[in-house]
Amino acid sequence: MERETGVGVSMIHPGSVDTPMLRHEVAGGGSALNFPSRPLTPDRVAHAVLGALDRPRMEVRR
């Protein structure tokens, strides 16, 4: 929480997200080092963001 302004700050670290851009990267022979874990669905990332709004925390890792 920013004490002077009362503004809360949370960081969401989803790793990779299953999007058209990511699929294009994979189809184009993207480096396996860019995908250390299974990509999350956009819905799961959105759920994490909404959860951070409901229960503010400094960081959320999925």
Protein backbone atom coordinates (compact mmCIF):
# COMPACT_ATOMS: atom_id res chain seq x y z
CA MET A 1 0.00 0.00 0.00
CA GLU A 2 1.33 3.40 -0.93
CA ARG A 3 0.90 5.21 2.35
CA GLU A 4 0.86 8.71 0.91
CA THR A 5 -1.88 8.01 -1.63
CA GLY A 6 -3.71 4.96 -0.27
CA VAL A 7 -3.21 3.18 -3.60
CA GLY A 8 -2.65 -0.58 -3.38
CA VAL A 9 -0.19 -2.34 -5.69
CA SER A 10 -0.16 -6.03 -6.65
CA MET A 11 2.02 -7.79 -9.22
CA ILE A 12 0.70 -10.77 -11.16
CA HIS A 13 3.35 -13.17 -12.53
CA PRO A 14 1.51 -15.66 -14.76
CA GLY A 15 4.49 -17.04 -16.68
CA SER A 16 3.24 -17.91 -20.16
CA VAL A 17 -0.40 -17.49 -21.17
CA ASP A 18 -2.12 -19.50 -23.92
CA THR A 19 -2.77 -16.72 -26.45
CA PRO A 20 -2.64 -16.51 -30.26
CA MET A 21 0.72 -14.73 -29.95
CA LEU A 22 2.18 -17.57 -27.87
CA ARG A 23 0.83 -20.19 -30.30
CA HIS A 24 2.45 -18.27 -33.19
CA GLU A 25 5.74 -18.27 -31.29
CA VAL A 26 5.53 -22.04 -30.72
CA ALA A 27 4.57 -22.73 -34.36
CA GLY A 28 7.50 -20.62 -35.51
CA GLY A 29 10.01 -22.72 -33.59
CA GLY A 30 10.28 -20.55 -30.49
CA SER A 31 12.89 -21.48 -27.92
CA ALA A 32 11.78 -24.10 -25.40
CA LEU A 33 13.51 -21.96 -22.76
CA ASN A 34 10.66 -19.42 -23.19
CA PHE A 35 8.14 -22.04 -22.02
CA PRO A 36 9.45 -23.59 -18.79
CA SER A 37 5.93 -24.56 -17.69
CA ARG A 38 2.58 -25.29 -19.27
CA PRO A 39 0.88 -22.06 -20.41
CA LEU A 40 -2.05 -20.87 -18.32
CA THR A 41 -5.44 -20.12 -19.80
CA PRO A 42 -6.45 -16.46 -20.04
CA ASP A 43 -9.38 -17.27 -17.72
CA ARG A 44 -7.04 -18.55 -15.01
CA VAL A 45 -4.93 -15.39 -15.25
CA ALA A 46 -8.07 -13.22 -15.08
CA HIS A 47 -9.16 -15.17 -11.99
CA ALA A 48 -5.79 -14.43 -10.34
CA VAL A 49 -6.15 -10.72 -11.16
CA LEU A 50 -9.67 -10.60 -9.72
CA GLY A 51 -8.46 -12.50 -6.66
CA ALA A 52 -5.72 -9.91 -6.11
CA LEU A 53 -8.36 -7.19 -6.25
CA ASP A 54 -10.52 -9.01 -3.69
CA ARG A 55 -7.60 -9.98 -1.42
CA PRO A 56 -4.73 -7.55 -2.05
CA ARG A 57 -1.28 -9.12 -1.84
CA MET A 58 2.12 -7.91 -2.94
CA GLU A 59 2.67 -10.73 -5.46
CA VAL A 60 0.66 -13.54 -7.01
CA ARG A 61 2.51 -16.41 -8.69
CA ARG A 62 0.71 -19.11 -10.67
